[in-house]
Amino acid sequence: MATPAVGDVAPDFTLPGTPAGRPYSLSDYRGKVTVLVFYPGDDTVVCTTQLVSYSSDLKQFSDLGAEVLGVSPQDVASHEHFAERNNLGFPLLADTDKAVGRSYDLVGPLGFYKRSVFVVDADGVVRYAHRSGHGLTFRSTDELVAAVRDAARSDAG
């Protein structure tokens, strides 16, 4: 299966997330630009830096009407602890069976998530896609905000 490409409809999903196992479906975000942040694991150095960075910059996304969702294979209890300890301002979703990761083709050969970000427009179409080959770096807020602006423009056009 190929990674959903720019211009493809984003695979829909429903996953439990923070707070308290609340269910989240991508389709619930139709009408808004959504940033899907797939990350390998809670409490790892790069993932913590990445998610804290996005959370600190959350106003830049919300000012554009965009929602941010973090997705990784840990369970909701792990996510709750991670989010609370790092004061994360967006939901973390639990893909414990990695089915969503497989539908986005980001589960590597050893079974770990590849650090990936997708920006999905208000119609559910992928407008930005990045999958890291090594996972030691992450996309900057500035790059993602630019992608959100582009996605919003394609919605308006």
N, C-alpha and C. Protein backbone atom coordinates (compact mmCIF):
# COMPACT_ATOMS: atom_id res chain seq x y z
N MET A 1 0.85 -1.18 0.00
CA MET A 1 0.00 0.00 0.00
C MET A 1 0.89 1.24 0.00
N ALA A 2 0.59 2.18 -0.83
CA ALA A 2 1.36 3.41 -0.91
C ALA A 2 0.86 4.42 0.11
N THR A 3 1.78 5.25 0.56
CA THR A 3 1.39 6.34 1.43
C THR A 3 0.37 7.20 0.72
N PRO A 4 -0.72 7.57 1.39
CA PRO A 4 -1.64 8.49 0.73
C PRO A 4 -0.87 9.71 0.23
N ALA A 5 -1.08 10.03 -1.02
CA ALA A 5 -0.36 11.13 -1.65
C ALA A 5 -1.21 12.40 -1.63
N VAL A 6 -0.54 13.51 -1.86
CA VAL A 6 -1.24 14.78 -1.98
C VAL A 6 -2.28 14.63 -3.09
N GLY A 7 -3.51 15.03 -2.78
CA GLY A 7 -4.62 14.91 -3.73
C GLY A 7 -5.51 13.70 -3.48
N ASP A 8 -5.02 12.74 -2.66
CA ASP A 8 -5.82 11.56 -2.32
C ASP A 8 -6.73 11.88 -1.13
N VAL A 9 -7.85 11.19 -1.06
CA VAL A 9 -8.70 11.29 0.13
C VAL A 9 -7.96 10.59 1.27
N ALA A 10 -7.89 11.25 2.41
CA ALA A 10 -7.21 10.68 3.58
C ALA A 10 -8.01 9.50 4.11
N PRO A 11 -7.34 8.38 4.43
CA PRO A 11 -8.06 7.25 5.03
C PRO A 11 -8.74 7.68 6.33
N ASP A 12 -10.02 7.40 6.45
CA ASP A 12 -10.75 7.74 7.66
C ASP A 12 -10.41 6.73 8.76
N PHE A 13 -10.64 7.12 9.98
CA PHE A 13 -10.39 6.23 11.11
C PHE A 13 -11.16 6.73 12.32
N THR A 14 -11.33 5.86 13.28
CA THR A 14 -11.86 6.22 14.60
C THR A 14 -10.95 5.56 15.62
N LEU A 15 -10.42 6.37 16.54
CA LEU A 15 -9.51 5.88 17.58
C LEU A 15 -9.87 6.52 18.91
N PRO A 16 -9.60 5.81 20.02
CA PRO A 16 -9.75 6.43 21.33
C PRO A 16 -8.59 7.39 21.56
N GLY A 17 -8.86 8.45 22.33
CA GLY A 17 -7.78 9.40 22.61
C GLY A 17 -8.01 10.15 23.90
N THR A 18 -7.12 11.09 24.13
CA THR A 18 -7.22 11.92 25.32
C THR A 18 -8.20 13.06 25.03
N PRO A 19 -8.97 13.44 26.01
CA PRO A 19 -9.00 12.91 27.36
C PRO A 19 -9.90 11.69 27.52
N ALA A 20 -9.50 10.84 28.44
CA ALA A 20 -10.34 9.75 28.96
C ALA A 20 -10.89 8.78 27.93
N GLY A 21 -10.13 8.51 26.88
CA GLY A 21 -10.56 7.50 25.92
C GLY A 21 -11.66 7.95 24.97
N ARG A 22 -11.91 9.24 24.92
CA ARG A 22 -12.93 9.78 24.00
C ARG A 22 -12.63 9.31 22.57
N PRO A 23 -13.65 8.90 21.81
CA PRO A 23 -13.40 8.50 20.42
C PRO A 23 -13.23 9.70 19.50
N TYR A 24 -12.30 9.59 18.58
CA TYR A 24 -12.04 10.62 17.57
C TYR A 24 -12.10 9.97 16.20
N SER A 25 -12.85 10.59 15.29
CA SER A 25 -12.91 10.13 13.90
C SER A 25 -12.42 11.27 13.02
N LEU A 26 -11.59 10.93 12.04
CA LEU A 26 -11.12 11.96 11.12
C LEU A 26 -12.30 12.63 10.43
N SER A 27 -13.31 11.86 10.10
CA SER A 27 -14.47 12.43 9.40
C SER A 27 -15.19 13.49 10.23
N ASP A 28 -15.03 13.46 11.56
CA ASP A 28 -15.64 14.48 12.42
C ASP A 28 -15.01 15.86 12.19
N TYR A 29 -13.84 15.88 11.55
CA TYR A 29 -13.12 17.13 11.33
C TYR A 29 -13.35 17.69 9.93
N ARG A 30 -14.26 17.08 9.17
CA ARG A 30 -14.60 17.65 7.86
C ARG A 30 -15.08 19.07 8.09
N GLY A 31 -14.70 19.94 7.20
CA GLY A 31 -15.03 21.35 7.36
C GLY A 31 -13.89 22.15 7.99
N LYS A 32 -12.86 21.45 8.48
CA LYS A 32 -11.69 22.09 9.06
C LYS A 32 -10.44 21.46 8.47
N VAL A 33 -9.37 22.21 8.45
CA VAL A 33 -8.08 21.63 8.09
C VAL A 33 -7.57 20.89 9.33
N THR A 34 -7.05 19.69 9.13
CA THR A 34 -6.57 18.86 10.23
C THR A 34 -5.12 18.47 9.98
N VAL A 35 -4.31 18.61 11.02
CA VAL A 35 -2.91 18.21 10.96
C VAL A 35 -2.79 16.90 11.74
N LEU A 36 -2.44 15.83 11.04
CA LEU A 36 -2.25 14.52 11.67
C LEU A 36 -0.76 14.33 11.91
N VAL A 37 -0.39 14.23 13.18
CA VAL A 37 1.00 14.06 13.56
C VAL A 37 1.17 12.63 14.05
N PHE A 38 1.76 11.78 13.23
CA PHE A 38 2.04 10.39 13.60
C PHE A 38 3.44 10.35 14.19
N TYR A 39 3.57 9.84 15.41
CA TYR A 39 4.87 9.82 16.07
C TYR A 39 5.11 8.45 16.69
N PRO A 40 6.39 8.03 16.77
CA PRO A 40 6.69 6.67 17.23
C PRO A 40 6.31 6.35 18.66
N GLY A 41 6.52 7.29 19.62
CA GLY A 41 6.23 6.88 20.98
C GLY A 41 6.22 8.00 22.00
N ASP A 42 5.37 7.83 22.99
CA ASP A 42 5.32 8.73 24.14
C ASP A 42 6.66 8.65 24.88
N ASP A 43 7.05 9.76 25.47
CA ASP A 43 8.21 9.82 26.37
C ASP A 43 9.54 9.48 25.70
N THR A 44 9.62 9.64 24.39
CA THR A 44 10.91 9.51 23.73
C THR A 44 11.42 10.92 23.45
N VAL A 45 12.71 11.07 23.31
CA VAL A 45 13.30 12.41 23.24
C VAL A 45 12.78 13.22 22.07
N VAL A 46 12.86 12.68 20.85
CA VAL A 46 12.46 13.46 19.68
C VAL A 46 10.94 13.68 19.67
N CYS A 47 10.18 12.66 20.02
CA CYS A 47 8.72 12.81 20.04
C CYS A 47 8.29 13.86 21.06
N THR A 48 8.91 13.85 22.23
CA THR A 48 8.57 14.84 23.25
C THR A 48 8.89 16.24 22.74
N THR A 49 10.07 16.42 22.18
CA THR A 49 10.46 17.73 21.64
C THR A 49 9.47 18.17 20.55
N GLN A 50 9.13 17.25 19.66
CA GLN A 50 8.21 17.56 18.55
C GLN A 50 6.85 17.99 19.08
N LEU A 51 6.24 17.17 19.93
CA LEU A 51 4.88 17.47 20.37
C LEU A 51 4.82 18.69 21.28
N VAL A 52 5.83 18.89 22.11
CA VAL A 52 5.88 20.10 22.94
C VAL A 52 6.00 21.33 22.04
N SER A 53 6.80 21.24 20.99
CA SER A 53 6.95 22.35 20.05
C SER A 53 5.61 22.69 19.41
N TYR A 54 4.90 21.69 18.89
CA TYR A 54 3.61 21.94 18.25
C TYR A 54 2.60 22.48 19.25
N SER A 55 2.63 21.96 20.47
CA SER A 55 1.69 22.43 21.48
C SER A 55 1.98 23.89 21.86
N SER A 56 3.26 24.23 21.97
CA SER A 56 3.63 25.61 22.28
C SER A 56 3.19 26.57 21.18
N ASP A 57 3.16 26.07 19.96
CA ASP A 57 2.79 26.88 18.80
C ASP A 57 1.34 26.66 18.37
N LEU A 58 0.54 26.04 19.22
CA LEU A 58 -0.82 25.64 18.85
C LEU A 58 -1.67 26.82 18.38
N LYS A 59 -1.45 28.00 18.92
CA LYS A 59 -2.23 29.17 18.53
C LYS A 59 -2.04 29.48 17.04
N GLN A 60 -0.86 29.21 16.50
CA GLN A 60 -0.64 29.46 15.08
C GLN A 60 -1.57 28.58 14.23
N PHE A 61 -1.81 27.35 14.69
CA PHE A 61 -2.72 26.46 13.97
C PHE A 61 -4.18 26.88 14.20
N SER A 62 -4.53 27.14 15.46
CA SER A 62 -5.92 27.48 15.77
C SER A 62 -6.32 28.81 15.15
N ASP A 63 -5.38 29.75 15.02
CA ASP A 63 -5.69 31.03 14.38
C ASP A 63 -6.11 30.82 12.91
N LEU A 64 -5.67 29.72 12.32
CA LEU A 64 -6.04 29.39 10.94
C LEU A 64 -7.24 28.45 10.87
N GLY A 65 -7.81 28.13 12.04
CA GLY A 65 -8.95 27.22 12.09
C GLY A 65 -8.57 25.76 11.96
N ALA A 66 -7.30 25.43 12.13
CA ALA A 66 -6.83 24.05 11.98
C ALA A 66 -6.81 23.32 13.31
N GLU A 67 -7.06 22.03 13.24
CA GLU A 67 -6.99 21.15 14.40
C GLU A 67 -5.73 20.29 14.28
N VAL A 68 -5.10 19.98 15.42
CA VAL A 68 -3.94 19.11 15.46
C VAL A 68 -4.31 17.86 16.24
N LEU A 69 -3.98 16.70 15.68
CA LEU A 69 -4.20 15.42 16.36
C LEU A 69 -2.89 14.64 16.34
N GLY A 70 -2.44 14.17 17.49
CA GLY A 70 -1.28 13.30 17.57
C GLY A 70 -1.73 11.86 17.57
N VAL A 71 -1.01 10.99 16.86
CA VAL A 71 -1.38 9.57 16.78
C VAL A 71 -0.13 8.73 16.97
N SER A 72 -0.20 7.75 17.89
CA SER A 72 0.89 6.80 18.06
C SER A 72 0.33 5.49 18.61
N PRO A 73 1.15 4.44 18.64
CA PRO A 73 0.65 3.12 19.04
C PRO A 73 0.44 2.91 20.54
N GLN A 74 0.84 3.83 21.40
CA GLN A 74 0.65 3.62 22.84
C GLN A 74 -0.84 3.74 23.19
N ASP A 75 -1.18 3.21 24.37
CA ASP A 75 -2.58 3.24 24.78
C ASP A 75 -2.95 4.59 25.39
N VAL A 76 -4.24 4.77 25.65
CA VAL A 76 -4.74 6.04 26.16
C VAL A 76 -4.11 6.39 27.50
N ALA A 77 -3.90 5.42 28.37
CA ALA A 77 -3.30 5.69 29.68
C ALA A 77 -1.91 6.29 29.52
N SER A 78 -1.12 5.75 28.62
CA SER A 78 0.21 6.29 28.34
C SER A 78 0.09 7.71 27.80
N HIS A 79 -0.84 7.91 26.88
CA HIS A 79 -1.05 9.24 26.30
C HIS A 79 -1.47 10.25 27.37
N GLU A 80 -2.36 9.85 28.26
CA GLU A 80 -2.82 10.75 29.33
C GLU A 80 -1.63 11.23 30.16
N HIS A 81 -0.79 10.29 30.56
CA HIS A 81 0.39 10.61 31.38
C HIS A 81 1.35 11.53 30.61
N PHE A 82 1.62 11.18 29.37
CA PHE A 82 2.52 11.96 28.51
C PHE A 82 1.99 13.37 28.29
N ALA A 83 0.70 13.48 27.96
CA ALA A 83 0.09 14.79 27.70
C ALA A 83 0.09 15.66 28.96
N GLU A 84 -0.23 15.06 30.09
CA GLU A 84 -0.27 15.83 31.34
C GLU A 84 1.13 16.31 31.74
N ARG A 85 2.10 15.41 31.67
CA ARG A 85 3.46 15.75 32.08
C ARG A 85 4.06 16.86 31.20
N ASN A 86 3.66 16.88 29.91
CA ASN A 86 4.24 17.85 28.98
C ASN A 86 3.28 18.98 28.61
N ASN A 87 2.13 19.03 29.28
CA ASN A 87 1.14 20.10 29.07
C ASN A 87 0.77 20.25 27.59
N LEU A 88 0.46 19.12 26.95
CA LEU A 88 0.12 19.13 25.53
C LEU A 88 -1.31 19.62 25.34
N GLY A 89 -1.52 20.48 24.36
CA GLY A 89 -2.80 21.14 24.18
C GLY A 89 -3.68 20.56 23.08
N PHE A 90 -3.35 19.37 22.58
CA PHE A 90 -4.17 18.75 21.55
C PHE A 90 -4.31 17.27 21.87
N PRO A 91 -5.33 16.61 21.33
CA PRO A 91 -5.58 15.21 21.63
C PRO A 91 -4.49 14.29 21.11
N LEU A 92 -4.24 13.22 21.87
CA LEU A 92 -3.36 12.14 21.44
C LEU A 92 -4.22 10.89 21.27
N LEU A 93 -4.14 10.28 20.11
CA LEU A 93 -4.98 9.13 19.77
C LEU A 93 -4.17 7.85 19.83
N ALA A 94 -4.82 6.78 20.28
CA ALA A 94 -4.16 5.49 20.51
C ALA A 94 -4.46 4.51 19.39
N ASP A 95 -3.46 4.26 18.55
CA ASP A 95 -3.55 3.29 17.45
C ASP A 95 -2.83 2.01 17.89
N THR A 96 -3.36 1.36 18.93
CA THR A 96 -2.65 0.25 19.56
C THR A 96 -2.43 -0.95 18.64
N ASP A 97 -3.32 -1.17 17.68
CA ASP A 97 -3.11 -2.29 16.75
C ASP A 97 -2.41 -1.85 15.46
N LYS A 98 -2.08 -0.56 15.39
CA LYS A 98 -1.36 0.04 14.26
C LYS A 98 -2.12 -0.05 12.93
N ALA A 99 -3.42 -0.27 12.99
CA ALA A 99 -4.23 -0.36 11.77
C ALA A 99 -4.24 0.98 11.02
N VAL A 100 -4.34 2.07 11.76
CA VAL A 100 -4.34 3.39 11.11
C VAL A 100 -2.95 3.65 10.53
N GLY A 101 -1.92 3.34 11.27
CA GLY A 101 -0.56 3.49 10.75
C GLY A 101 -0.35 2.70 9.47
N ARG A 102 -0.89 1.50 9.42
CA ARG A 102 -0.77 0.70 8.19
C ARG A 102 -1.57 1.33 7.05
N SER A 103 -2.74 1.91 7.35
CA SER A 103 -3.54 2.52 6.28
C SER A 103 -2.86 3.76 5.70
N TYR A 104 -1.97 4.38 6.48
CA TYR A 104 -1.19 5.52 6.01
C TYR A 104 0.21 5.08 5.57
N ASP A 105 0.47 3.78 5.60
CA ASP A 105 1.73 3.18 5.19
C ASP A 105 2.92 3.81 5.90
N LEU A 106 2.84 3.84 7.23
CA LEU A 106 3.94 4.42 7.97
C LEU A 106 4.45 3.52 9.08
N VAL A 107 4.12 2.25 9.01
CA VAL A 107 4.68 1.29 9.95
C VAL A 107 5.89 0.66 9.27
N GLY A 108 7.05 0.82 9.90
CA GLY A 108 8.30 0.34 9.31
C GLY A 108 8.45 -1.17 9.44
N PRO A 109 9.52 -1.71 8.87
CA PRO A 109 9.74 -3.15 8.85
C PRO A 109 9.89 -3.78 10.24
N LEU A 110 10.32 -3.01 11.23
CA LEU A 110 10.44 -3.53 12.58
C LEU A 110 9.18 -3.31 13.41
N GLY A 111 8.13 -2.76 12.77
CA GLY A 111 6.86 -2.55 13.45
C GLY A 111 6.70 -1.20 14.13
N PHE A 112 7.69 -0.32 13.97
CA PHE A 112 7.60 1.01 14.58
C PHE A 112 7.01 2.00 13.60
N TYR A 113 6.30 2.98 14.14
CA TYR A 113 5.80 4.10 13.34
C TYR A 113 6.97 4.88 12.77
N LYS A 114 6.84 5.34 11.54
CA LYS A 114 7.75 6.33 10.96
C LYS A 114 7.14 7.70 11.26
N ARG A 115 7.96 8.60 11.77
CA ARG A 115 7.47 9.95 12.09
C ARG A 115 6.91 10.57 10.82
N SER A 116 5.64 10.95 10.84
CA SER A 116 4.96 11.41 9.63
C SER A 116 3.95 12.50 9.96
N VAL A 117 3.72 13.38 9.00
CA VAL A 117 2.71 14.43 9.17
C VAL A 117 1.91 14.55 7.89
N PHE A 118 0.60 14.62 8.05
CA PHE A 118 -0.32 14.82 6.93
C PHE A 118 -1.20 16.02 7.26
N VAL A 119 -1.39 16.91 6.30
CA VAL A 119 -2.34 18.00 6.44
C VAL A 119 -3.51 17.65 5.53
N VAL A 120 -4.69 17.57 6.14
CA VAL A 120 -5.90 17.15 5.44
C VAL A 120 -6.82 18.36 5.37
N ASP A 121 -7.30 18.67 4.16
CA ASP A 121 -8.14 19.86 4.01
C ASP A 121 -9.56 19.60 4.50
N ALA A 122 -10.40 20.61 4.43
CA ALA A 122 -11.77 20.55 4.95
C ALA A 122 -12.63 19.51 4.24
N ASP A 123 -12.23 19.11 3.04
CA ASP A 123 -12.96 18.08 2.29
C ASP A 123 -12.40 16.68 2.52
N GLY A 124 -11.39 16.55 3.38
CA GLY A 124 -10.81 15.25 3.66
C GLY A 124 -9.72 14.82 2.68
N VAL A 125 -9.18 15.77 1.93
CA VAL A 125 -8.15 15.48 0.94
C VAL A 125 -6.78 15.84 1.50
N VAL A 126 -5.81 14.95 1.30
CA VAL A 126 -4.44 15.20 1.74
C VAL A 126 -3.86 16.35 0.91
N ARG A 127 -3.39 17.39 1.59
CA ARG A 127 -2.78 18.54 0.91
C ARG A 127 -1.29 18.66 1.19
N TYR A 128 -0.81 17.88 2.17
CA TYR A 128 0.61 17.86 2.52
C TYR A 128 0.88 16.50 3.12
N ALA A 129 2.00 15.90 2.75
CA ALA A 129 2.37 14.61 3.33
C ALA A 129 3.88 14.56 3.47
N HIS A 130 4.34 14.18 4.64
CA HIS A 130 5.77 13.97 4.87
C HIS A 130 5.95 12.77 5.77
N ARG A 131 6.81 11.86 5.35
CA ARG A 131 7.15 10.69 6.17
C ARG A 131 8.66 10.68 6.30
N SER A 132 9.13 10.67 7.53
CA SER A 132 10.57 10.70 7.79
C SER A 132 11.18 9.32 7.57
N GLY A 133 12.32 9.30 6.94
CA GLY A 133 13.02 8.04 6.73
C GLY A 133 13.75 7.55 7.96
N HIS A 134 14.22 8.48 8.79
CA HIS A 134 15.02 8.08 9.95
C HIS A 134 14.41 8.48 11.28
N GLY A 135 13.50 9.43 11.30
CA GLY A 135 12.76 9.77 12.51
C GLY A 135 13.49 10.59 13.54
N LEU A 136 14.69 11.09 13.21
CA LEU A 136 15.45 11.86 14.19
C LEU A 136 15.17 13.36 14.11
N THR A 137 14.42 13.76 13.11
CA THR A 137 14.02 15.16 12.97
C THR A 137 12.52 15.21 12.74
N PHE A 138 11.98 16.42 12.81
CA PHE A 138 10.55 16.58 12.56
C PHE A 138 10.33 17.88 11.82
N ARG A 139 9.15 18.00 11.20
CA ARG A 139 8.81 19.19 10.43
C ARG A 139 8.55 20.35 11.38
N SER A 140 9.01 21.53 11.01
CA SER A 140 8.84 22.71 11.85
C SER A 140 7.39 23.20 11.82
N THR A 141 7.03 23.93 12.86
CA THR A 141 5.71 24.55 12.89
C THR A 141 5.53 25.46 11.68
N ASP A 142 6.55 26.24 11.34
CA ASP A 142 6.44 27.16 10.20
C ASP A 142 6.08 26.41 8.92
N GLU A 143 6.73 25.27 8.69
CA GLU A 143 6.43 24.47 7.49
C GLU A 143 4.99 23.97 7.51
N LEU A 144 4.55 23.50 8.67
CA LEU A 144 3.19 22.97 8.78
C LEU A 144 2.14 24.08 8.68
N VAL A 145 2.41 25.23 9.26
CA VAL A 145 1.48 26.36 9.15
C VAL A 145 1.35 26.78 7.69
N ALA A 146 2.46 26.80 6.96
CA ALA A 146 2.40 27.11 5.53
C ALA A 146 1.55 26.08 4.80
N ALA A 147 1.68 24.81 5.17
CA ALA A 147 0.87 23.75 4.54
C ALA A 147 -0.61 23.92 4.89
N VAL A 148 -0.90 24.34 6.11
CA VAL A 148 -2.29 24.60 6.51
C VAL A 148 -2.86 25.75 5.69
N ARG A 149 -2.08 26.81 5.53
CA ARG A 149 -2.53 27.95 4.71
C ARG A 149 -2.83 27.50 3.28
N ASP A 150 -1.93 26.68 2.72
CA ASP A 150 -2.14 26.16 1.36
C ASP A 150 -3.41 25.31 1.29
N ALA A 151 -3.62 24.48 2.30
CA ALA A 151 -4.82 23.63 2.32
C ALA A 151 -6.07 24.47 2.41
N ALA A 152 -6.03 25.52 3.21
CA ALA A 152 -7.20 26.40 3.34
C ALA A 152 -7.47 27.12 2.00
N ARG A 153 -6.40 27.50 1.31
CA ARG A 153 -6.57 28.15 0.01
C ARG A 153 -7.18 27.18 -1.00
N SER A 154 -6.76 25.91 -0.95
CA SER A 154 -7.35 24.98 -1.92
C SER A 154 -8.80 24.70 -1.60
N ASP A 155 -9.18 24.82 -0.32
CA ASP A 155 -10.59 24.70 0.03
C ASP A 155 -11.40 25.86 -0.53
N ALA A 156 -10.79 27.06 -0.46
CA ALA A 156 -11.49 28.27 -0.93
C ALA A 156 -11.55 28.34 -2.45
N GLY A 157 -10.57 27.67 -3.11
CA GLY A 157 -10.50 27.75 -4.57
C GLY A 157 -11.40 26.77 -5.19
